[in-house]
Amino acid sequence: MIPYCFSALCCNPKRLKLATAVAAISVLIGLLTFVLNWHVFKGGIPGYYYVLLPGNLVLACFTEEINFWPKFTLLFTGQFIVSWLIGYLSSLFFLRNQ
């Protein structure tokens, strides 16, 4: 059986919603940046790597010789997961009493 303090810490709906919102916003900003970089700036937007840093951290684990759509999927899946983890861990720190 899981102790109450652990389950309350991990299963708090407020923390889960906050982390999911942070991750969704991160993916939306990443998609907007990707589209601008691809269509408007033709691959030269300043700060592109830093906006998509969570996704690029996941892409660093894979080879560069993969096709566009699997790489695109990995980039934005990684963007969501890493941003979700950062949002959740931040909520543990900043929302201690809730």
PDB file of N, CA and C in Angstrom:
ATOM      1  N   MET A   1       0.832  -1.174   0.000  1.00  0.00           N
ATOM      2  CA  MET A   1       0.000   0.000   0.000  1.00  0.00           C
ATOM      3  C   MET A   1       0.882   1.244   0.000  1.00  0.00           C
ATOM      4  N   ILE A   2       0.478   2.237  -0.758  1.00  0.00           N
ATOM      5  CA  ILE A   2       1.252   3.476  -0.876  1.00  0.00           C
ATOM      6  C   ILE A   2       0.900   4.384   0.299  1.00  0.00           C
ATOM      7  N   PRO A   3       1.913   4.932   0.967  1.00  0.00           N
ATOM      8  CA  PRO A   3       1.620   5.858   2.070  1.00  0.00           C
ATOM      9  C   PRO A   3       0.829   7.064   1.571  1.00  0.00           C
ATOM     10  N   TYR A   4      -0.009   7.600   2.444  1.00  0.00           N
ATOM     11  CA  TYR A   4      -0.882   8.708   2.068  1.00  0.00           C
ATOM     12  C   TYR A   4      -0.082   9.910   1.589  1.00  0.00           C
ATOM     13  N   CYS A   5       0.995  10.243   2.287  1.00  0.00           N
ATOM     14  CA  CYS A   5       1.752  11.445   1.922  1.00  0.00           C
ATOM     15  C   CYS A   5       2.336  11.313   0.519  1.00  0.00           C
ATOM     16  N   PHE A   6       2.766  10.110   0.119  1.00  0.00           N
ATOM     17  CA  PHE A   6       3.316   9.906  -1.213  1.00  0.00           C
ATOM     18  C   PHE A   6       2.222   9.993  -2.274  1.00  0.00           C
ATOM     19  N   SER A   7       1.086   9.366  -2.014  1.00  0.00           N
ATOM     20  CA  SER A   7       0.009   9.391  -3.002  1.00  0.00           C
ATOM     21  C   SER A   7      -0.581  10.795  -3.136  1.00  0.00           C
ATOM     22  N   ALA A   8      -0.650  11.540  -2.053  1.00  0.00           N
ATOM     23  CA  ALA A   8      -1.153  12.912  -2.126  1.00  0.00           C
ATOM     24  C   ALA A   8      -0.182  13.797  -2.885  1.00  0.00           C
ATOM     25  N   LEU A   9       1.085  13.511  -2.769  1.00  0.00           N
ATOM     26  CA  LEU A   9       2.101  14.291  -3.454  1.00  0.00           C
ATOM     27  C   LEU A   9       2.076  14.020  -4.953  1.00  0.00           C
ATOM     28  N   CYS A  10       1.930  12.767  -5.324  1.00  0.00           N
ATOM     29  CA  CYS A  10       2.027  12.387  -6.735  1.00  0.00           C
ATOM     30  C   CYS A  10       0.709  12.469  -7.490  1.00  0.00           C
ATOM     31  N   CYS A  11      -0.391  12.349  -6.830  1.00  0.00           N
ATOM     32  CA  CYS A  11      -1.677  12.258  -7.518  1.00  0.00           C
ATOM     33  C   CYS A  11      -2.542  13.493  -7.327  1.00  0.00           C
ATOM     34  N   ASN A  12      -1.941  14.592  -6.999  1.00  0.00           N
ATOM     35  CA  ASN A  12      -2.685  15.821  -6.816  1.00  0.00           C
ATOM     36  C   ASN A  12      -3.177  16.310  -8.184  1.00  0.00           C
ATOM     37  N   PRO A  13      -4.488  16.388  -8.395  1.00  0.00           N
ATOM     38  CA  PRO A  13      -5.018  16.794  -9.700  1.00  0.00           C
ATOM     39  C   PRO A  13      -4.588  18.202 -10.112  1.00  0.00           C
ATOM     40  N   LYS A  14      -4.412  19.081  -9.147  1.00  0.00           N
ATOM     41  CA  LYS A  14      -3.991  20.444  -9.467  1.00  0.00           C
ATOM     42  C   LYS A  14      -2.589  20.443 -10.087  1.00  0.00           C
ATOM     43  N   ARG A  15      -1.707  19.631  -9.523  1.00  0.00           N
ATOM     44  CA  ARG A  15      -0.347  19.532 -10.065  1.00  0.00           C
ATOM     45  C   ARG A  15      -0.341  18.890 -11.448  1.00  0.00           C
ATOM     46  N   LEU A  16      -1.150  17.854 -11.624  1.00  0.00           N
ATOM     47  CA  LEU A  16      -1.211  17.172 -12.915  1.00  0.00           C
ATOM     48  C   LEU A  16      -1.770  18.090 -14.000  1.00  0.00           C
ATOM     49  N   LYS A  17      -2.804  18.865 -13.679  1.00  0.00           N
ATOM     50  CA  LYS A  17      -3.376  19.809 -14.641  1.00  0.00           C
ATOM     51  C   LYS A  17      -2.387  20.910 -14.987  1.00  0.00           C
ATOM     52  N   LEU A  18      -1.682  21.405 -13.985  1.00  0.00           N
ATOM     53  CA  LEU A  18      -0.697  22.453 -14.232  1.00  0.00           C
ATOM     54  C   LEU A  18       0.428  21.946 -15.131  1.00  0.00           C
ATOM     55  N   ALA A  19       0.932  20.755 -14.842  1.00  0.00           N
ATOM     56  CA  ALA A  19       2.010  20.186 -15.653  1.00  0.00           C
ATOM     57  C   ALA A  19       1.545  19.933 -17.086  1.00  0.00           C
ATOM     58  N   THR A  20       0.327  19.458 -17.249  1.00  0.00           N
ATOM     59  CA  THR A  20      -0.209  19.215 -18.584  1.00  0.00           C
ATOM     60  C   THR A  20      -0.405  20.524 -19.343  1.00  0.00           C
ATOM     61  N   ALA A  21      -0.863  21.564 -18.662  1.00  0.00           N
ATOM     62  CA  ALA A  21      -1.026  22.869 -19.308  1.00  0.00           C
ATOM     63  C   ALA A  21       0.327  23.439 -19.731  1.00  0.00           C
ATOM     64  N   VAL A  22       1.330  23.314 -18.877  1.00  0.00           N
ATOM     65  CA  VAL A  22       2.672  23.793 -19.216  1.00  0.00           C
ATOM     66  C   VAL A  22       3.195  23.051 -20.442  1.00  0.00           C
ATOM     67  N   ALA A  23       3.013  21.740 -20.478  1.00  0.00           N
ATOM     68  CA  ALA A  23       3.498  20.937 -21.597  1.00  0.00           C
ATOM     69  C   ALA A  23       2.748  21.277 -22.883  1.00  0.00           C
ATOM     70  N   ALA A  24       1.443  21.460 -22.802  1.00  0.00           N
ATOM     71  CA  ALA A  24       0.658  21.794 -23.994  1.00  0.00           C
ATOM     72  C   ALA A  24       1.057  23.158 -24.547  1.00  0.00           C
ATOM     73  N   ILE A  25       1.256  24.128 -23.672  1.00  0.00           N
ATOM     74  CA  ILE A  25       1.688  25.453 -24.115  1.00  0.00           C
ATOM     75  C   ILE A  25       3.079  25.374 -24.736  1.00  0.00           C
ATOM     76  N   SER A  26       3.945  24.576 -24.152  1.00  0.00           N
ATOM     77  CA  SER A  26       5.288  24.400 -24.698  1.00  0.00           C
ATOM     78  C   SER A  26       5.243  23.788 -26.096  1.00  0.00           C
ATOM     79  N   VAL A  27       4.375  22.812 -26.301  1.00  0.00           N
ATOM     80  CA  VAL A  27       4.247  22.193 -27.622  1.00  0.00           C
ATOM     81  C   VAL A  27       3.658  23.193 -28.619  1.00  0.00           C
ATOM     82  N   LEU A  28       2.671  23.967 -28.213  1.00  0.00           N
ATOM     83  CA  LEU A  28       2.091  24.963 -29.125  1.00  0.00           C
ATOM     84  C   LEU A  28       3.108  26.029 -29.525  1.00  0.00           C
ATOM     85  N   ILE A  29       3.867  26.515 -28.566  1.00  0.00           N
ATOM     86  CA  ILE A  29       4.917  27.491 -28.876  1.00  0.00           C
ATOM     87  C   ILE A  29       5.974  26.849 -29.773  1.00  0.00           C
ATOM     88  N   GLY A  30       6.310  25.589 -29.495  1.00  0.00           N
ATOM     89  CA  GLY A  30       7.267  24.874 -30.333  1.00  0.00           C
ATOM     90  C   GLY A  30       6.775  24.689 -31.759  1.00  0.00           C
ATOM     91  N   LEU A  31       5.496  24.336 -31.918  1.00  0.00           N
ATOM     92  CA  LEU A  31       4.929  24.191 -33.263  1.00  0.00           C
ATOM     93  C   LEU A  31       4.945  25.510 -34.021  1.00  0.00           C
ATOM     94  N   LEU A  32       4.579  26.583 -33.351  1.00  0.00           N
ATOM     95  CA  LEU A  32       4.609  27.909 -33.984  1.00  0.00           C
ATOM     96  C   LEU A  32       6.033  28.270 -34.400  1.00  0.00           C
ATOM     97  N   THR A  33       6.992  28.019 -33.535  1.00  0.00           N
ATOM     98  CA  THR A  33       8.388  28.302 -33.852  1.00  0.00           C
ATOM     99  C   THR A  33       8.870  27.437 -35.011  1.00  0.00           C
ATOM    100  N   PHE A  34       8.481  26.171 -35.015  1.00  0.00           N
ATOM    101  CA  PHE A  34       8.883  25.269 -36.088  1.00  0.00           C
ATOM    102  C   PHE A  34       8.329  25.742 -37.432  1.00  0.00           C
ATOM    103  N   VAL A  35       7.054  26.102 -37.453  1.00  0.00           N
ATOM    104  CA  VAL A  35       6.436  26.561 -38.706  1.00  0.00           C
ATOM    105  C   VAL A  35       7.085  27.856 -39.182  1.00  0.00           C
ATOM    106  N   LEU A  36       7.316  28.791 -38.273  1.00  0.00           N
ATOM    107  CA  LEU A  36       7.987  30.039 -38.652  1.00  0.00           C
ATOM    108  C   LEU A  36       9.393  29.776 -39.173  1.00  0.00           C
ATOM    109  N   ASN A  37      10.107  28.895 -38.511  1.00  0.00           N
ATOM    110  CA  ASN A  37      11.464  28.571 -38.928  1.00  0.00           C
ATOM    111  C   ASN A  37      11.474  27.901 -40.302  1.00  0.00           C
ATOM    112  N   TRP A  38      10.512  27.035 -40.551  1.00  0.00           N
ATOM    113  CA  TRP A  38      10.483  26.267 -41.789  1.00  0.00           C
ATOM    114  C   TRP A  38      10.012  27.109 -42.973  1.00  0.00           C
ATOM    115  N   HIS A  39       8.952  27.907 -42.772  1.00  0.00           N
ATOM    116  CA  HIS A  39       8.329  28.603 -43.898  1.00  0.00           C
ATOM    117  C   HIS A  39       8.753  30.058 -44.045  1.00  0.00           C
ATOM    118  N   VAL A  40       8.942  30.770 -42.962  1.00  0.00           N
ATOM    119  CA  VAL A  40       9.227  32.202 -43.050  1.00  0.00           C
ATOM    120  C   VAL A  40      10.725  32.465 -43.095  1.00  0.00           C
ATOM    121  N   PHE A  41      11.460  31.890 -42.150  1.00  0.00           N
ATOM    122  CA  PHE A  41      12.891  32.168 -42.047  1.00  0.00           C
ATOM    123  C   PHE A  41      13.746  31.181 -42.830  1.00  0.00           C
ATOM    124  N   LYS A  42      13.165  30.161 -43.406  1.00  0.00           N
ATOM    125  CA  LYS A  42      13.866  29.149 -44.202  1.00  0.00           C
ATOM    126  C   LYS A  42      15.030  28.514 -43.442  1.00  0.00           C
ATOM    127  N   GLY A  43      14.823  28.279 -42.150  1.00  0.00           N
ATOM    128  CA  GLY A  43      15.805  27.556 -41.352  1.00  0.00           C
ATOM    129  C   GLY A  43      16.781  28.419 -40.585  1.00  0.00           C
ATOM    130  N   GLY A  44      16.512  29.704 -40.432  1.00  0.00           N
ATOM    131  CA  GLY A  44      17.474  30.552 -39.750  1.00  0.00           C
ATOM    132  C   GLY A  44      16.903  31.432 -38.657  1.00  0.00           C
ATOM    133  N   ILE A  45      15.859  31.004 -37.978  1.00  0.00           N
ATOM    134  CA  ILE A  45      15.259  31.828 -36.930  1.00  0.00           C
ATOM    135  C   ILE A  45      16.176  31.840 -35.696  1.00  0.00           C
ATOM    136  N   PRO A  46      16.448  33.029 -35.170  1.00  0.00           N
ATOM    137  CA  PRO A  46      17.290  33.095 -33.977  1.00  0.00           C
ATOM    138  C   PRO A  46      16.579  32.492 -32.759  1.00  0.00           C
ATOM    139  N   GLY A  47      17.290  31.702 -31.990  1.00  0.00           N
ATOM    140  CA  GLY A  47      16.730  31.113 -30.780  1.00  0.00           C
ATOM    141  C   GLY A  47      15.910  29.871 -30.989  1.00  0.00           C
ATOM    142  N   TYR A  48      15.879  29.354 -32.215  1.00  0.00           N
ATOM    143  CA  TYR A  48      15.082  28.156 -32.524  1.00  0.00           C
ATOM    144  C   TYR A  48      15.483  26.976 -31.651  1.00  0.00           C
ATOM    145  N   TYR A  49      16.773  26.754 -31.519  1.00  0.00           N
ATOM    146  CA  TYR A  49      17.250  25.610 -30.737  1.00  0.00           C
ATOM    147  C   TYR A  49      16.827  25.725 -29.275  1.00  0.00           C
ATOM    148  N   TYR A  50      16.824  26.935 -28.738  1.00  0.00           N
ATOM    149  CA  TYR A  50      16.507  27.110 -27.322  1.00  0.00           C
ATOM    150  C   TYR A  50      15.017  26.981 -27.036  1.00  0.00           C
ATOM    151  N   VAL A  51      14.183  27.385 -27.973  1.00  0.00           N
ATOM    152  CA  VAL A  51      12.736  27.233 -27.786  1.00  0.00           C
ATOM    153  C   VAL A  51      12.361  25.755 -27.813  1.00  0.00           C
ATOM    154  N   LEU A  52      13.031  24.992 -28.678  1.00  0.00           N
ATOM    155  CA  LEU A  52      12.740  23.566 -28.798  1.00  0.00           C
ATOM    156  C   LEU A  52      13.763  22.709 -28.045  1.00  0.00           C
ATOM    157  N   LEU A  53      14.377  23.271 -27.028  1.00  0.00           N
ATOM    158  CA  LEU A  53      15.399  22.553 -26.270  1.00  0.00           C
ATOM    159  C   LEU A  53      14.890  21.245 -25.652  1.00  0.00           C
ATOM    160  N   PRO A  54      13.701  21.210 -25.025  1.00  0.00           N
ATOM    161  CA  PRO A  54      13.245  19.921 -24.477  1.00  0.00           C
ATOM    162  C   PRO A  54      13.130  18.827 -25.539  1.00  0.00           C
ATOM    163  N   GLY A  55      12.617  19.163 -26.691  1.00  0.00           N
ATOM    164  CA  GLY A  55      12.518  18.184 -27.772  1.00  0.00           C
ATOM    165  C   GLY A  55      13.873  17.814 -28.342  1.00  0.00           C
ATOM    166  N   ASN A  56      14.758  18.794 -28.424  1.00  0.00           N
ATOM    167  CA  ASN A  56      16.096  18.525 -28.947  1.00  0.00           C
ATOM    168  C   ASN A  56      16.903  17.646 -27.997  1.00  0.00           C
ATOM    169  N   LEU A  57      16.614  17.715 -26.703  1.00  0.00           N
ATOM    170  CA  LEU A  57      17.283  16.814 -25.762  1.00  0.00           C
ATOM    171  C   LEU A  57      16.921  15.365 -26.054  1.00  0.00           C
ATOM    172  N   VAL A  58      15.682  15.120 -26.430  1.00  0.00           N
ATOM    173  CA  VAL A  58      15.263  13.769 -26.778  1.00  0.00           C
ATOM    174  C   VAL A  58      15.860  13.357 -28.125  1.00  0.00           C
ATOM    175  N   LEU A  59      15.897  14.273 -29.080  1.00  0.00           N
ATOM    176  CA  LEU A  59      16.461  13.958 -30.387  1.00  0.00           C
ATOM    177  C   LEU A  59      17.950  13.641 -30.314  1.00  0.00           C
ATOM    178  N   ALA A  60      18.638  14.171 -29.322  1.00  0.00           N
ATOM    179  CA  ALA A  60      20.066  13.913 -29.182  1.00  0.00           C
ATOM    180  C   ALA A  60      20.352  12.436 -28.908  1.00  0.00           C
ATOM    181  N   CYS A  61      19.360  11.695 -28.455  1.00  0.00           N
ATOM    182  CA  CYS A  61      19.533  10.261 -28.172  1.00  0.00           C
ATOM    183  C   CYS A  61      19.433   9.413 -29.431  1.00  0.00           C
ATOM    184  N   PHE A  62      19.063  10.006 -30.556  1.00  0.00           N
ATOM    185  CA  PHE A  62      18.843   9.251 -31.790  1.00  0.00           C
ATOM    186  C   PHE A  62      19.800   9.731 -32.868  1.00  0.00           C
ATOM    187  N   THR A  63      19.930   8.927 -33.900  1.00  0.00           N
ATOM    188  CA  THR A  63      20.796   9.275 -35.016  1.00  0.00           C
ATOM    189  C   THR A  63      20.156  10.371 -35.871  1.00  0.00           C
ATOM    190  N   GLU A  64      20.967  11.062 -36.636  1.00  0.00           N
ATOM    191  CA  GLU A  64      20.449  12.132 -37.488  1.00  0.00           C
ATOM    192  C   GLU A  64      19.873  11.600 -38.795  1.00  0.00           C
ATOM    193  N   GLU A  65      20.145  10.356 -39.120  1.00  0.00           N
ATOM    194  CA  GLU A  65      19.734   9.812 -40.409  1.00  0.00           C
ATOM    195  C   GLU A  65      18.343   9.190 -40.372  1.00  0.00           C
ATOM    196  N   ILE A  66      17.394   9.821 -39.698  1.00  0.00           N
ATOM    197  CA  ILE A  66      16.020   9.324 -39.732  1.00  0.00           C
ATOM    198  C   ILE A  66      15.186  10.275 -40.581  1.00  0.00           C
ATOM    199  N   ASN A  67      14.085   9.778 -41.074  1.00  0.00           N
ATOM    200  CA  ASN A  67      13.225  10.574 -41.948  1.00  0.00           C
ATOM    201  C   ASN A  67      12.570  11.725 -41.190  1.00  0.00           C
ATOM    202  N   PHE A  68      11.932  12.611 -41.943  1.00  0.00           N
ATOM    203  CA  PHE A  68      11.358  13.828 -41.368  1.00  0.00           C
ATOM    204  C   PHE A  68      10.256  13.537 -40.348  1.00  0.00           C
ATOM    205  N   TRP A  69       9.259  12.732 -40.715  1.00  0.00           N
ATOM    206  CA  TRP A  69       8.095  12.549 -39.840  1.00  0.00           C
ATOM    207  C   TRP A  69       8.420  11.819 -38.540  1.00  0.00           C
ATOM    208  N   PRO A  70       9.258  10.778 -38.551  1.00  0.00           N
ATOM    209  CA  PRO A  70       9.635  10.201 -37.250  1.00  0.00           C
ATOM    210  C   PRO A  70      10.421  11.184 -36.387  1.00  0.00           C
ATOM    211  N   LYS A  71      11.274  11.984 -37.017  1.00  0.00           N
ATOM    212  CA  LYS A  71      12.042  12.985 -36.268  1.00  0.00           C
ATOM    213  C   LYS A  71      11.110  14.062 -35.707  1.00  0.00           C
ATOM    214  N   PHE A  72      10.138  14.484 -36.513  1.00  0.00           N
ATOM    215  CA  PHE A  72       9.149  15.470 -36.082  1.00  0.00           C
ATOM    216  C   PHE A  72       8.351  14.941 -34.888  1.00  0.00           C
ATOM    217  N   THR A  73       7.940  13.665 -34.975  1.00  0.00           N
ATOM    218  CA  THR A  73       7.188  13.043 -33.885  1.00  0.00           C
ATOM    219  C   THR A  73       8.023  12.948 -32.621  1.00  0.00           C
ATOM    220  N   LEU A  74       9.271  12.530 -32.755  1.00  0.00           N
ATOM    221  CA  LEU A  74      10.164  12.450 -31.594  1.00  0.00           C
ATOM    222  C   LEU A  74      10.405  13.827 -30.981  1.00  0.00           C
ATOM    223  N   LEU A  75      10.574  14.835 -31.837  1.00  0.00           N
ATOM    224  CA  LEU A  75      10.824  16.197 -31.353  1.00  0.00           C
ATOM    225  C   LEU A  75       9.678  16.691 -30.479  1.00  0.00           C
ATOM    226  N   PHE A  76       8.443  16.540 -30.954  1.00  0.00           N
ATOM    227  CA  PHE A  76       7.324  17.098 -30.201  1.00  0.00           C
ATOM    228  C   PHE A  76       6.830  16.184 -29.087  1.00  0.00           C
ATOM    229  N   THR A  77       7.084  14.894 -29.201  1.00  0.00           N
ATOM    230  CA  THR A  77       6.815  14.008 -28.055  1.00  0.00           C
ATOM    231  C   THR A  77       7.783  14.337 -26.930  1.00  0.00           C
ATOM    232  N   GLY A  78       9.042  14.508 -27.293  1.00  0.00           N
ATOM    233  CA  GLY A  78      10.042  14.903 -26.300  1.00  0.00           C
ATOM    234  C   GLY A  78       9.764  16.277 -25.722  1.00  0.00           C
ATOM    235  N   GLN A  79       9.300  17.193 -26.557  1.00  0.00           N
ATOM    236  CA  GLN A  79       8.942  18.537 -26.083  1.00  0.00           C
ATOM    237  C   GLN A  79       7.851  18.431 -25.016  1.00  0.00           C
ATOM    238  N   PHE A  80       6.850  17.589 -25.270  1.00  0.00           N
ATOM    239  CA  PHE A  80       5.757  17.441 -24.316  1.00  0.00           C
ATOM    240  C   PHE A  80       6.231  16.772 -23.026  1.00  0.00           C
ATOM    241  N   ILE A  81       6.933  15.652 -23.149  1.00  0.00           N
ATOM    242  CA  ILE A  81       7.322  14.882 -21.964  1.00  0.00           C
ATOM    243  C   ILE A  81       8.287  15.654 -21.074  1.00  0.00           C
ATOM    244  N   VAL A  82       9.317  16.234 -21.667  1.00  0.00           N
ATOM    245  CA  VAL A  82      10.302  16.975 -20.859  1.00  0.00           C
ATOM    246  C   VAL A  82       9.658  18.213 -20.243  1.00  0.00           C
ATOM    247  N   SER A  83       8.826  18.919 -20.993  1.00  0.00           N
ATOM    248  CA  SER A  83       8.136  20.088 -20.435  1.00  0.00           C
ATOM    249  C   SER A  83       7.164  19.685 -19.333  1.00  0.00           C
ATOM    250  N   TRP A  84       6.501  18.542 -19.502  1.00  0.00           N
ATOM    251  CA  TRP A  84       5.587  18.054 -18.469  1.00  0.00           C
ATOM    252  C   TRP A  84       6.361  17.758 -17.183  1.00  0.00           C
ATOM    253  N   LEU A  85       7.490  17.091 -17.318  1.00  0.00           N
ATOM    254  CA  LEU A  85       8.306  16.783 -16.136  1.00  0.00           C
ATOM    255  C   LEU A  85       8.802  18.049 -15.446  1.00  0.00           C
ATOM    256  N   ILE A  86       9.242  19.018 -16.227  1.00  0.00           N
ATOM    257  CA  ILE A  86       9.700  20.287 -15.647  1.00  0.00           C
ATOM    258  C   ILE A  86       8.536  20.992 -14.955  1.00  0.00           C
ATOM    259  N   GLY A  87       7.368  21.010 -15.598  1.00  0.00           N
ATOM    260  CA  GLY A  87       6.194  21.640 -14.988  1.00  0.00           C
ATOM    261  C   GLY A  87       5.767  20.941 -13.711  1.00  0.00           C
ATOM    262  N   TYR A  88       5.816  19.601 -13.715  1.00  0.00           N
ATOM    263  CA  TYR A  88       5.406  18.857 -12.529  1.00  0.00           C
ATOM    264  C   TYR A  88       6.388  19.047 -11.382  1.00  0.00           C
ATOM    265  N   LEU A  89       7.671  18.959 -11.682  1.00  0.00           N
ATOM    266  CA  LEU A  89       8.672  19.155 -10.628  1.00  0.00           C
ATOM    267  C   LEU A  89       8.639  20.587 -10.092  1.00  0.00           C
ATOM    268  N   SER A  90       8.377  21.543 -10.966  1.00  0.00           N
ATOM    269  CA  SER A  90       8.239  22.925 -10.509  1.00  0.00           C
ATOM    270  C   SER A  90       7.017  23.086  -9.608  1.00  0.00           C
ATOM    271  N   SER A  91       5.932  22.388  -9.931  1.00  0.00           N
ATOM    272  CA  SER A  91       4.744  22.484  -9.090  1.00  0.00           C
ATOM    273  C   SER A  91       4.985  21.862  -7.719  1.00  0.00           C
ATOM    274  N   LEU A  92       5.825  20.839  -7.658  1.00  0.00           N
ATOM    275  CA  LEU A  92       6.176  20.267  -6.356  1.00  0.00           C
ATOM    276  C   LEU A  92       6.918  21.269  -5.496  1.00  0.00           C
ATOM    277  N   PHE A  93       7.753  22.066  -6.135  1.00  0.00           N
ATOM    278  CA  PHE A  93       8.540  23.044  -5.404  1.00  0.00           C
ATOM    279  C   PHE A  93       7.713  24.279  -5.033  1.00  0.00           C
ATOM    280  N   PHE A  94       6.930  24.802  -5.988  1.00  0.00           N
ATOM    281  CA  PHE A  94       6.228  26.064  -5.768  1.00  0.00           C
ATOM    282  C   PHE A  94       4.850  25.912  -5.126  1.00  0.00           C
ATOM    283  N   LEU A  95       4.216  24.749  -5.240  1.00  0.00           N
ATOM    284  CA  LEU A  95       2.893  24.522  -4.664  1.00  0.00           C
ATOM    285  C   LEU A  95       2.967  23.519  -3.525  1.00  0.00           C
ATOM    286  N   ARG A  96       3.835  23.745  -2.601  1.00  0.00           N
ATOM    287  CA  ARG A  96       4.066  22.774  -1.516  1.00  0.00           C
ATOM    288  C   ARG A  96       2.843  22.575  -0.624  1.00  0.00           C
ATOM    289  N   ASN A  97       2.140  23.631  -0.299  1.00  0.00           N
ATOM    290  CA  ASN A  97       1.052  23.540   0.687  1.00  0.00           C
ATOM    291  C   ASN A  97      -0.301  23.226   0.047  1.00  0.00           C
ATOM    292  N   GLN A  98      -0.341  23.000  -1.234  1.00  0.00           N
ATOM    293  CA  GLN A  98      -1.649  22.813  -1.888  1.00  0.00           C
ATOM    294  C   GLN A  98      -1.804  21.409  -2.370  1.00  0.00           C
TER     295      GLN A  98
END
